[in-house]
Amino acid sequence: WSNCKMNFNVHPTDFDDQYSGERLTFIMVNGATVNTDCFPMVSGCNATAQRPMFSCLRDMSLDHLIDDSGELRIAAQISDVVDECPYQGNLLSAVPVVTCLVSPK
């Protein structure tokens, strides 16, 4: 594995920050915190307007976090005040995208 990069995109739910602190409090990869306090400042509460996903990580290098197995354990947490407008039933819905350059063995 080399030159591995990750994007972490979040579906807008209740991140309009109408009330203080509507954010992702952390994103972790393989036990290491890679981002804290991501404030999307977008809301998915308007059912008639589709909102684009918000990026909390873009092209973050994973080379120091990924081992030979290639396994990634990704975790994220939202603040307690994110409490409305779930996306497909989830107040936190995200799409991590990982790309790597892989050479034949």
PDB file of N, CA and C in Angstrom:
ATOM      1  N   TRP A   1       0.852  -1.174   0.000  1.00  0.00           N
ATOM      2  CA  TRP A   1       0.000   0.000   0.000  1.00  0.00           C
ATOM      3  C   TRP A   1       0.892   1.228   0.000  1.00  0.00           C
ATOM      4  N   SER A   2       0.558   2.160  -0.867  1.00  0.00           N
ATOM      5  CA  SER A   2       1.291   3.421  -0.830  1.00  0.00           C
ATOM      6  C   SER A   2       0.399   4.546  -1.333  1.00  0.00           C
ATOM      7  N   ASN A   3       0.735   5.714  -0.879  1.00  0.00           N
ATOM      8  CA  ASN A   3       0.021   6.916  -1.288  1.00  0.00           C
ATOM      9  C   ASN A   3      -1.489   6.763  -1.096  1.00  0.00           C
ATOM     10  N   CYS A   4      -1.882   6.235   0.070  1.00  0.00           N
ATOM     11  CA  CYS A   4      -3.308   6.071   0.384  1.00  0.00           C
ATOM     12  C   CYS A   4      -3.866   7.390   0.914  1.00  0.00           C
ATOM     13  N   LYS A   5      -5.022   7.750   0.388  1.00  0.00           N
ATOM     14  CA  LYS A   5      -5.672   8.995   0.796  1.00  0.00           C
ATOM     15  C   LYS A   5      -7.141   8.712   1.086  1.00  0.00           C
ATOM     16  N   MET A   6      -7.697   9.491   2.018  1.00  0.00           N
ATOM     17  CA  MET A   6      -9.092   9.297   2.399  1.00  0.00           C
ATOM     18  C   MET A   6      -9.851  10.614   2.351  1.00  0.00           C
ATOM     19  N   ASN A   7     -11.068  10.529   1.828  1.00  0.00           N
ATOM     20  CA  ASN A   7     -12.060  11.600   1.930  1.00  0.00           C
ATOM     21  C   ASN A   7     -13.167  11.087   2.841  1.00  0.00           C
ATOM     22  N   PHE A   8     -13.748  11.975   3.637  1.00  0.00           N
ATOM     23  CA  PHE A   8     -14.831  11.605   4.544  1.00  0.00           C
ATOM     24  C   PHE A   8     -15.954  12.610   4.339  1.00  0.00           C
ATOM     25  N   ASN A   9     -17.003  12.156   3.668  1.00  0.00           N
ATOM     26  CA  ASN A   9     -18.122  13.028   3.308  1.00  0.00           C
ATOM     27  C   ASN A   9     -19.347  12.688   4.148  1.00  0.00           C
ATOM     28  N   VAL A  10     -20.031  13.723   4.615  1.00  0.00           N
ATOM     29  CA  VAL A  10     -21.145  13.574   5.549  1.00  0.00           C
ATOM     30  C   VAL A  10     -22.442  14.038   4.893  1.00  0.00           C
ATOM     31  N   HIS A  11     -23.493  13.215   5.041  1.00  0.00           N
ATOM     32  CA  HIS A  11     -24.821  13.667   4.611  1.00  0.00           C
ATOM     33  C   HIS A  11     -25.299  14.741   5.584  1.00  0.00           C
ATOM     34  N   PRO A  12     -25.881  15.823   5.092  1.00  0.00           N
ATOM     35  CA  PRO A  12     -26.394  16.844   6.004  1.00  0.00           C
ATOM     36  C   PRO A  12     -27.602  16.314   6.776  1.00  0.00           C
ATOM     37  N   THR A  13     -27.547  16.453   8.070  1.00  0.00           N
ATOM     38  CA  THR A  13     -28.711  16.150   8.910  1.00  0.00           C
ATOM     39  C   THR A  13     -29.025  17.430   9.681  1.00  0.00           C
ATOM     40  N   ASP A  14     -28.675  17.486  10.937  1.00  0.00           N
ATOM     41  CA  ASP A  14     -28.976  18.655  11.776  1.00  0.00           C
ATOM     42  C   ASP A  14     -27.681  19.414  12.085  1.00  0.00           C
ATOM     43  N   PHE A  15     -26.958  19.798  11.043  1.00  0.00           N
ATOM     44  CA  PHE A  15     -25.678  20.491  11.233  1.00  0.00           C
ATOM     45  C   PHE A  15     -25.767  21.973  10.897  1.00  0.00           C
ATOM     46  N   ASP A  16     -26.954  22.565  11.004  1.00  0.00           N
ATOM     47  CA  ASP A  16     -27.089  23.983  10.662  1.00  0.00           C
ATOM     48  C   ASP A  16     -26.570  24.894  11.769  1.00  0.00           C
ATOM     49  N   ASP A  17     -26.224  24.328  12.902  1.00  0.00           N
ATOM     50  CA  ASP A  17     -25.700  25.063  14.060  1.00  0.00           C
ATOM     51  C   ASP A  17     -26.667  26.138  14.540  1.00  0.00           C
ATOM     52  N   GLN A  18     -27.955  25.866  14.353  1.00  0.00           N
ATOM     53  CA  GLN A  18     -28.970  26.773  14.884  1.00  0.00           C
ATOM     54  C   GLN A  18     -28.843  26.829  16.408  1.00  0.00           C
ATOM     55  N   TYR A  19     -28.453  25.711  16.976  1.00  0.00           N
ATOM     56  CA  TYR A  19     -28.160  25.647  18.403  1.00  0.00           C
ATOM     57  C   TYR A  19     -26.687  25.299  18.521  1.00  0.00           C
ATOM     58  N   SER A  20     -26.038  25.849  19.470  1.00  0.00           N
ATOM     59  CA  SER A  20     -24.581  25.748  19.597  1.00  0.00           C
ATOM     60  C   SER A  20     -24.074  24.309  19.579  1.00  0.00           C
ATOM     61  N   GLY A  21     -23.056  24.077  18.777  1.00  0.00           N
ATOM     62  CA  GLY A  21     -22.323  22.824  18.835  1.00  0.00           C
ATOM     63  C   GLY A  21     -22.765  21.702  17.928  1.00  0.00           C
ATOM     64  N   GLU A  22     -23.540  21.951  16.895  1.00  0.00           N
ATOM     65  CA  GLU A  22     -23.972  20.888  15.982  1.00  0.00           C
ATOM     66  C   GLU A  22     -22.820  20.556  15.034  1.00  0.00           C
ATOM     67  N   ARG A  23     -22.121  19.460  15.358  1.00  0.00           N
ATOM     68  CA  ARG A  23     -20.890  19.143  14.629  1.00  0.00           C
ATOM     69  C   ARG A  23     -20.523  17.678  14.788  1.00  0.00           C
ATOM     70  N   LEU A  24     -19.525  17.251  14.025  1.00  0.00           N
ATOM     71  CA  LEU A  24     -18.858  15.979  14.281  1.00  0.00           C
ATOM     72  C   LEU A  24     -17.766  16.279  15.295  1.00  0.00           C
ATOM     73  N   THR A  25     -17.758  15.560  16.396  1.00  0.00           N
ATOM     74  CA  THR A  25     -16.762  15.848  17.425  1.00  0.00           C
ATOM     75  C   THR A  25     -15.420  15.212  17.121  1.00  0.00           C
ATOM     76  N   PHE A  26     -15.428  14.064  16.427  1.00  0.00           N
ATOM     77  CA  PHE A  26     -14.159  13.473  16.004  1.00  0.00           C
ATOM     78  C   PHE A  26     -14.373  12.487  14.871  1.00  0.00           C
ATOM     79  N   ILE A  27     -13.282  12.236  14.151  1.00  0.00           N
ATOM     80  CA  ILE A  27     -13.186  11.148  13.180  1.00  0.00           C
ATOM     81  C   ILE A  27     -11.902  10.409  13.521  1.00  0.00           C
ATOM     82  N   MET A  28     -11.996   9.076  13.638  1.00  0.00           N
ATOM     83  CA  MET A  28     -10.826   8.257  13.965  1.00  0.00           C
ATOM     84  C   MET A  28     -10.601   7.217  12.874  1.00  0.00           C
ATOM     85  N   VAL A  29      -9.327   6.924  12.629  1.00  0.00           N
ATOM     86  CA  VAL A  29      -8.941   5.863  11.706  1.00  0.00           C
ATOM     87  C   VAL A  29      -7.930   4.985  12.429  1.00  0.00           C
ATOM     88  N   ASN A  30      -8.246   3.707  12.554  1.00  0.00           N
ATOM     89  CA  ASN A  30      -7.380   2.742  13.246  1.00  0.00           C
ATOM     90  C   ASN A  30      -6.937   3.256  14.618  1.00  0.00           C
ATOM     91  N   GLY A  31      -7.865   3.870  15.342  1.00  0.00           N
ATOM     92  CA  GLY A  31      -7.610   4.319  16.704  1.00  0.00           C
ATOM     93  C   GLY A  31      -6.963   5.682  16.831  1.00  0.00           C
ATOM     94  N   ALA A  32      -6.582   6.303  15.734  1.00  0.00           N
ATOM     95  CA  ALA A  32      -5.955   7.630  15.771  1.00  0.00           C
ATOM     96  C   ALA A  32      -6.977   8.696  15.376  1.00  0.00           C
ATOM     97  N   THR A  33      -7.051   9.748  16.162  1.00  0.00           N
ATOM     98  CA  THR A  33      -7.940  10.855  15.833  1.00  0.00           C
ATOM     99  C   THR A  33      -7.344  11.638  14.671  1.00  0.00           C
ATOM    100  N   VAL A  34      -8.112  11.765  13.590  1.00  0.00           N
ATOM    101  CA  VAL A  34      -7.612  12.449  12.394  1.00  0.00           C
ATOM    102  C   VAL A  34      -8.331  13.770  12.132  1.00  0.00           C
ATOM    103  N   ASN A  35      -9.427  14.021  12.851  1.00  0.00           N
ATOM    104  CA  ASN A  35     -10.140  15.281  12.702  1.00  0.00           C
ATOM    105  C   ASN A  35     -10.997  15.493  13.939  1.00  0.00           C
ATOM    106  N   THR A  36     -11.089  16.737  14.370  1.00  0.00           N
ATOM    107  CA  THR A  36     -11.982  17.099  15.465  1.00  0.00           C
ATOM    108  C   THR A  36     -12.748  18.353  15.065  1.00  0.00           C
ATOM    109  N   ASP A  37     -13.931  18.462  15.605  1.00  0.00           N
ATOM    110  CA  ASP A  37     -14.756  19.656  15.418  1.00  0.00           C
ATOM    111  C   ASP A  37     -14.991  20.034  13.963  1.00  0.00           C
ATOM    112  N   CYS A  38     -15.567  19.123  13.209  1.00  0.00           N
ATOM    113  CA  CYS A  38     -15.987  19.431  11.839  1.00  0.00           C
ATOM    114  C   CYS A  38     -17.382  20.047  11.910  1.00  0.00           C
ATOM    115  N   PHE A  39     -17.502  21.295  11.481  1.00  0.00           N
ATOM    116  CA  PHE A  39     -18.772  22.024  11.499  1.00  0.00           C
ATOM    117  C   PHE A  39     -19.323  22.138  10.079  1.00  0.00           C
ATOM    118  N   PRO A  40     -20.175  21.222   9.638  1.00  0.00           N
ATOM    119  CA  PRO A  40     -20.707  21.307   8.278  1.00  0.00           C
ATOM    120  C   PRO A  40     -21.532  22.566   8.000  1.00  0.00           C
ATOM    121  N   MET A  41     -22.245  23.090   9.008  1.00  0.00           N
ATOM    122  CA  MET A  41     -23.085  24.280   8.848  1.00  0.00           C
ATOM    123  C   MET A  41     -24.121  24.104   7.734  1.00  0.00           C
ATOM    124  N   VAL A  42     -24.649  22.895   7.595  1.00  0.00           N
ATOM    125  CA  VAL A  42     -25.706  22.614   6.624  1.00  0.00           C
ATOM    126  C   VAL A  42     -26.797  21.794   7.305  1.00  0.00           C
ATOM    127  N   SER A  43     -27.990  21.886   6.772  1.00  0.00           N
ATOM    128  CA  SER A  43     -29.117  21.152   7.337  1.00  0.00           C
ATOM    129  C   SER A  43     -29.777  20.306   6.264  1.00  0.00           C
ATOM    130  N   GLY A  44     -30.204  19.131   6.663  1.00  0.00           N
ATOM    131  CA  GLY A  44     -30.968  18.270   5.775  1.00  0.00           C
ATOM    132  C   GLY A  44     -32.437  18.274   6.132  1.00  0.00           C
ATOM    133  N   CYS A  45     -32.881  19.298   6.848  1.00  0.00           N
ATOM    134  CA  CYS A  45     -34.252  19.326   7.353  1.00  0.00           C
ATOM    135  C   CYS A  45     -35.285  19.706   6.304  1.00  0.00           C
ATOM    136  N   ASN A  46     -34.883  20.279   5.192  1.00  0.00           N
ATOM    137  CA  ASN A  46     -35.820  20.653   4.140  1.00  0.00           C
ATOM    138  C   ASN A  46     -36.013  19.454   3.221  1.00  0.00           C
ATOM    139  N   ALA A  47     -37.140  18.806   3.341  1.00  0.00           N
ATOM    140  CA  ALA A  47     -37.393  17.568   2.594  1.00  0.00           C
ATOM    141  C   ALA A  47     -37.487  17.786   1.088  1.00  0.00           C
ATOM    142  N   THR A  48     -37.740  19.022   0.651  1.00  0.00           N
ATOM    143  CA  THR A  48     -37.885  19.276  -0.781  1.00  0.00           C
ATOM    144  C   THR A  48     -36.582  19.691  -1.456  1.00  0.00           C
ATOM    145  N   ALA A  49     -35.552  19.984  -0.684  1.00  0.00           N
ATOM    146  CA  ALA A  49     -34.271  20.416  -1.261  1.00  0.00           C
ATOM    147  C   ALA A  49     -33.187  19.412  -0.900  1.00  0.00           C
ATOM    148  N   GLN A  50     -32.621  18.790  -1.913  1.00  0.00           N
ATOM    149  CA  GLN A  50     -31.546  17.843  -1.656  1.00  0.00           C
ATOM    150  C   GLN A  50     -30.250  18.609  -1.434  1.00  0.00           C
ATOM    151  N   ARG A  51     -29.569  18.298  -0.363  1.00  0.00           N
ATOM    152  CA  ARG A  51     -28.328  18.978  -0.017  1.00  0.00           C
ATOM    153  C   ARG A  51     -27.139  18.115  -0.404  1.00  0.00           C
ATOM    154  N   PRO A  52     -26.080  18.726  -0.925  1.00  0.00           N
ATOM    155  CA  PRO A  52     -24.881  17.941  -1.237  1.00  0.00           C
ATOM    156  C   PRO A  52     -24.186  17.491   0.037  1.00  0.00           C
ATOM    157  N   MET A  53     -23.409  16.448  -0.089  1.00  0.00           N
ATOM    158  CA  MET A  53     -22.636  15.977   1.057  1.00  0.00           C
ATOM    159  C   MET A  53     -21.561  17.008   1.390  1.00  0.00           C
ATOM    160  N   PHE A  54     -21.155  17.013   2.652  1.00  0.00           N
ATOM    161  CA  PHE A  54     -20.144  17.947   3.135  1.00  0.00           C
ATOM    162  C   PHE A  54     -18.870  17.176   3.443  1.00  0.00           C
ATOM    163  N   SER A  55     -17.733  17.708   3.055  1.00  0.00           N
ATOM    164  CA  SER A  55     -16.462  17.026   3.282  1.00  0.00           C
ATOM    165  C   SER A  55     -15.841  17.456   4.608  1.00  0.00           C
ATOM    166  N   CYS A  56     -15.607  16.483   5.487  1.00  0.00           N
ATOM    167  CA  CYS A  56     -14.882  16.749   6.734  1.00  0.00           C
ATOM    168  C   CYS A  56     -13.405  16.395   6.604  1.00  0.00           C
ATOM    169  N   LEU A  57     -13.061  15.570   5.633  1.00  0.00           N
ATOM    170  CA  LEU A  57     -11.661  15.251   5.321  1.00  0.00           C
ATOM    171  C   LEU A  57     -11.525  15.205   3.814  1.00  0.00           C
ATOM    172  N   ARG A  58     -10.421  15.723   3.317  1.00  0.00           N
ATOM    173  CA  ARG A  58     -10.176  15.669   1.876  1.00  0.00           C
ATOM    174  C   ARG A  58      -8.706  15.345   1.630  1.00  0.00           C
ATOM    175  N   ASP A  59      -8.471  14.249   0.920  1.00  0.00           N
ATOM    176  CA  ASP A  59      -7.112  13.821   0.546  1.00  0.00           C
ATOM    177  C   ASP A  59      -6.176  13.694   1.746  1.00  0.00           C
ATOM    178  N   MET A  60      -6.709  13.170   2.864  1.00  0.00           N
ATOM    179  CA  MET A  60      -5.871  12.960   4.040  1.00  0.00           C
ATOM    180  C   MET A  60      -5.009  11.714   3.843  1.00  0.00           C
ATOM    181  N   SER A  61      -3.718  11.848   4.059  1.00  0.00           N
ATOM    182  CA  SER A  61      -2.809  10.717   3.891  1.00  0.00           C
ATOM    183  C   SER A  61      -3.065   9.666   4.965  1.00  0.00           C
ATOM    184  N   LEU A  62      -3.135   8.408   4.532  1.00  0.00           N
ATOM    185  CA  LEU A  62      -3.318   7.284   5.455  1.00  0.00           C
ATOM    186  C   LEU A  62      -2.048   6.449   5.592  1.00  0.00           C
ATOM    187  N   ASP A  63      -0.993   6.819   4.893  1.00  0.00           N
ATOM    188  CA  ASP A  63       0.201   5.977   4.840  1.00  0.00           C
ATOM    189  C   ASP A  63       0.751   5.642   6.225  1.00  0.00           C
ATOM    190  N   HIS A  64       0.627   6.552   7.176  1.00  0.00           N
ATOM    191  CA  HIS A  64       1.139   6.308   8.528  1.00  0.00           C
ATOM    192  C   HIS A  64       0.142   5.535   9.400  1.00  0.00           C
ATOM    193  N   LEU A  65      -1.065   5.309   8.908  1.00  0.00           N
ATOM    194  CA  LEU A  65      -2.105   4.648   9.702  1.00  0.00           C
ATOM    195  C   LEU A  65      -2.479   3.258   9.206  1.00  0.00           C
ATOM    196  N   ILE A  66      -2.106   2.933   7.990  1.00  0.00           N
ATOM    197  CA  ILE A  66      -2.525   1.662   7.400  1.00  0.00           C
ATOM    198  C   ILE A  66      -1.376   0.659   7.491  1.00  0.00           C
ATOM    199  N   ASP A  67      -1.702  -0.570   7.890  1.00  0.00           N
ATOM    200  CA  ASP A  67      -0.660  -1.594   7.994  1.00  0.00           C
ATOM    201  C   ASP A  67      -0.705  -2.507   6.771  1.00  0.00           C
ATOM    202  N   ASP A  68       0.105  -3.550   6.798  1.00  0.00           N
ATOM    203  CA  ASP A  68       0.206  -4.444   5.640  1.00  0.00           C
ATOM    204  C   ASP A  68      -1.107  -5.151   5.304  1.00  0.00           C
ATOM    205  N   SER A  69      -1.990  -5.313   6.295  1.00  0.00           N
ATOM    206  CA  SER A  69      -3.268  -5.983   6.029  1.00  0.00           C
ATOM    207  C   SER A  69      -4.210  -5.092   5.216  1.00  0.00           C
ATOM    208  N   GLY A  70      -4.002  -3.786   5.285  1.00  0.00           N
ATOM    209  CA  GLY A  70      -4.869  -2.852   4.576  1.00  0.00           C
ATOM    210  C   GLY A  70      -6.176  -2.561   5.289  1.00  0.00           C
ATOM    211  N   GLU A  71      -6.359  -3.120   6.476  1.00  0.00           N
ATOM    212  CA  GLU A  71      -7.607  -2.919   7.217  1.00  0.00           C
ATOM    213  C   GLU A  71      -7.702  -1.491   7.745  1.00  0.00           C
ATOM    214  N   LEU A  72      -8.890  -0.907   7.606  1.00  0.00           N
ATOM    215  CA  LEU A  72      -9.170   0.410   8.167  1.00  0.00           C
ATOM    216  C   LEU A  72     -10.395   0.317   9.061  1.00  0.00           C
ATOM    217  N   ARG A  73     -10.263   0.769  10.283  1.00  0.00           N
ATOM    218  CA  ARG A  73     -11.385   0.876  11.208  1.00  0.00           C
ATOM    219  C   ARG A  73     -11.684   2.370  11.352  1.00  0.00           C
ATOM    220  N   ILE A  74     -12.834   2.773  10.872  1.00  0.00           N
ATOM    221  CA  ILE A  74     -13.196   4.188  10.850  1.00  0.00           C
ATOM    222  C   ILE A  74     -14.335   4.412  11.834  1.00  0.00           C
ATOM    223  N   ALA A  75     -14.184   5.430  12.669  1.00  0.00           N
ATOM    224  CA  ALA A  75     -15.216   5.778  13.646  1.00  0.00           C
ATOM    225  C   ALA A  75     -15.411   7.291  13.617  1.00  0.00           C
ATOM    226  N   ALA A  76     -16.626   7.713  13.925  1.00  0.00           N
ATOM    227  CA  ALA A  76     -16.923   9.142  14.012  1.00  0.00           C
ATOM    228  C   ALA A  76     -18.019   9.332  15.048  1.00  0.00           C
ATOM    229  N   GLN A  77     -18.082  10.537  15.584  1.00  0.00           N
ATOM    230  CA  GLN A  77     -19.101  10.840  16.588  1.00  0.00           C
ATOM    231  C   GLN A  77     -19.645  12.237  16.348  1.00  0.00           C
ATOM    232  N   ILE A  78     -20.947  12.392  16.577  1.00  0.00           N
ATOM    233  CA  ILE A  78     -21.586  13.702  16.496  1.00  0.00           C
ATOM    234  C   ILE A  78     -21.910  14.180  17.904  1.00  0.00           C
ATOM    235  N   SER A  79     -22.084  15.482  18.042  1.00  0.00           N
ATOM    236  CA  SER A  79     -22.456  16.038  19.338  1.00  0.00           C
ATOM    237  C   SER A  79     -23.912  15.691  19.660  1.00  0.00           C
ATOM    238  N   ASP A  80     -24.239  15.731  20.939  1.00  0.00           N
ATOM    239  CA  ASP A  80     -25.586  15.368  21.398  1.00  0.00           C
ATOM    240  C   ASP A  80     -26.674  16.280  20.842  1.00  0.00           C
ATOM    241  N   VAL A  81     -26.315  17.510  20.463  1.00  0.00           N
ATOM    242  CA  VAL A  81     -27.343  18.444  19.989  1.00  0.00           C
ATOM    243  C   VAL A  81     -27.718  18.228  18.521  1.00  0.00           C
ATOM    244  N   VAL A  82     -27.035  17.323  17.831  1.00  0.00           N
ATOM    245  CA  VAL A  82     -27.476  16.910  16.488  1.00  0.00           C
ATOM    246  C   VAL A  82     -28.596  15.899  16.722  1.00  0.00           C
ATOM    247  N   ASP A  83     -29.841  16.382  16.650  1.00  0.00           N
ATOM    248  CA  ASP A  83     -30.957  15.548  17.102  1.00  0.00           C
ATOM    249  C   ASP A  83     -32.177  15.584  16.182  1.00  0.00           C
ATOM    250  N   GLU A  84     -32.008  16.105  14.956  1.00  0.00           N
ATOM    251  CA  GLU A  84     -33.139  16.198  14.029  1.00  0.00           C
ATOM    252  C   GLU A  84     -32.705  15.780  12.628  1.00  0.00           C
ATOM    253  N   CYS A  85     -33.691  15.543  11.803  1.00  0.00           N
ATOM    254  CA  CYS A  85     -33.518  15.380  10.348  1.00  0.00           C
ATOM    255  C   CYS A  85     -32.569  14.253   9.967  1.00  0.00           C
ATOM    256  N   PRO A  86     -32.811  13.043  10.438  1.00  0.00           N
ATOM    257  CA  PRO A  86     -31.915  11.932  10.086  1.00  0.00           C
ATOM    258  C   PRO A  86     -31.912  11.655   8.589  1.00  0.00           C
ATOM    259  N   TYR A  87     -30.804  11.113   8.110  1.00  0.00           N
ATOM    260  CA  TYR A  87     -30.687  10.665   6.729  1.00  0.00           C
ATOM    261  C   TYR A  87     -30.823   9.151   6.744  1.00  0.00           C
ATOM    262  N   GLN A  88     -31.852   8.629   6.110  1.00  0.00           N
ATOM    263  CA  GLN A  88     -32.155   7.196   6.096  1.00  0.00           C
ATOM    264  C   GLN A  88     -32.119   6.611   7.511  1.00  0.00           C
ATOM    265  N   GLY A  89     -32.681   7.367   8.464  1.00  0.00           N
ATOM    266  CA  GLY A  89     -32.805   6.903   9.836  1.00  0.00           C
ATOM    267  C   GLY A  89     -31.595   7.148  10.715  1.00  0.00           C
ATOM    268  N   ASN A  90     -30.550   7.772  10.184  1.00  0.00           N
ATOM    269  CA  ASN A  90     -29.321   7.984  10.956  1.00  0.00           C
ATOM    270  C   ASN A  90     -28.994   9.465  11.071  1.00  0.00           C
ATOM    271  N   LEU A  91     -28.710   9.908  12.296  1.00  0.00           N
ATOM    272  CA  LEU A  91     -28.288  11.295  12.491  1.00  0.00           C
ATOM    273  C   LEU A  91     -26.860  11.515  11.996  1.00  0.00           C
ATOM    274  N   LEU A  92     -26.053  10.447  11.983  1.00  0.00           N
ATOM    275  CA  LEU A  92     -24.720  10.500  11.376  1.00  0.00           C
ATOM    276  C   LEU A  92     -24.692   9.505  10.228  1.00  0.00           C
ATOM    277  N   SER A  93     -24.552  10.016   9.030  1.00  0.00           N
ATOM    278  CA  SER A  93     -24.440   9.183   7.837  1.00  0.00           C
ATOM    279  C   SER A  93     -23.293   9.746   7.016  1.00  0.00           C
ATOM    280  N   ALA A  94     -22.293   8.908   6.771  1.00  0.00           N
ATOM    281  CA  ALA A  94     -21.100   9.385   6.074  1.00  0.00           C
ATOM    282  C   ALA A  94     -20.636   8.360   5.050  1.00  0.00           C
ATOM    283  N   VAL A  95     -19.852   8.834   4.096  1.00  0.00           N
ATOM    284  CA  VAL A  95     -19.271   7.976   3.069  1.00  0.00           C
ATOM    285  C   VAL A  95     -17.765   8.216   3.048  1.00  0.00           C
ATOM    286  N   PRO A  96     -16.997   7.296   3.634  1.00  0.00           N
ATOM    287  CA  PRO A  96     -15.544   7.415   3.509  1.00  0.00           C
ATOM    288  C   PRO A  96     -15.104   6.829   2.166  1.00  0.00           C
ATOM    289  N   VAL A  97     -14.193   7.512   1.502  1.00  0.00           N
ATOM    290  CA  VAL A  97     -13.664   7.048   0.220  1.00  0.00           C
ATOM    291  C   VAL A  97     -12.147   6.993   0.341  1.00  0.00           C
ATOM    292  N   VAL A  98     -11.587   5.803   0.079  1.00  0.00           N
ATOM    293  CA  VAL A  98     -10.140   5.603   0.197  1.00  0.00           C
ATOM    294  C   VAL A  98      -9.585   5.206  -1.162  1.00  0.00           C
ATOM    295  N   THR A  99      -8.490   5.827  -1.537  1.00  0.00           N
ATOM    296  CA  THR A  99      -7.777   5.448  -2.755  1.00  0.00           C
ATOM    297  C   THR A  99      -6.322   5.180  -2.403  1.00  0.00           C
ATOM    298  N   CYS A 100      -5.744   4.159  -3.047  1.00  0.00           N
ATOM    299  CA  CYS A 100      -4.340   3.802  -2.830  1.00  0.00           C
ATOM    300  C   CYS A 100      -3.711   3.426  -4.161  1.00  0.00           C
ATOM    301  N   LEU A 101      -2.416   3.609  -4.248  1.00  0.00           N
ATOM    302  CA  LEU A 101      -1.656   3.060  -5.360  1.00  0.00           C
ATOM    303  C   LEU A 101      -1.186   1.686  -4.928  1.00  0.00           C
ATOM    304  N   VAL A 102      -1.489   0.681  -5.699  1.00  0.00           N
ATOM    305  CA  VAL A 102      -1.145  -0.693  -5.341  1.00  0.00           C
ATOM    306  C   VAL A 102      -0.281  -1.262  -6.449  1.00  0.00           C
ATOM    307  N   SER A 103       0.850  -1.833  -6.053  1.00  0.00           N
ATOM    308  CA  SER A 103       1.728  -2.445  -7.055  1.00  0.00           C
ATOM    309  C   SER A 103       1.648  -3.962  -6.937  1.00  0.00           C
ATOM    310  N   PRO A 104       1.837  -4.673  -8.033  1.00  0.00           N
ATOM    311  CA  PRO A 104       1.789  -6.139  -7.982  1.00  0.00           C
ATOM    312  C   PRO A 104       2.923  -6.687  -7.133  1.00  0.00           C
ATOM    313  N   LYS A 105       2.663  -7.817  -6.468  1.00  0.00           N
ATOM    314  CA  LYS A 105       3.696  -8.434  -5.619  1.00  0.00           C
ATOM    315  C   LYS A 105       4.514  -9.411  -6.398  1.00  0.00           C
TER     316      LYS A 105
END
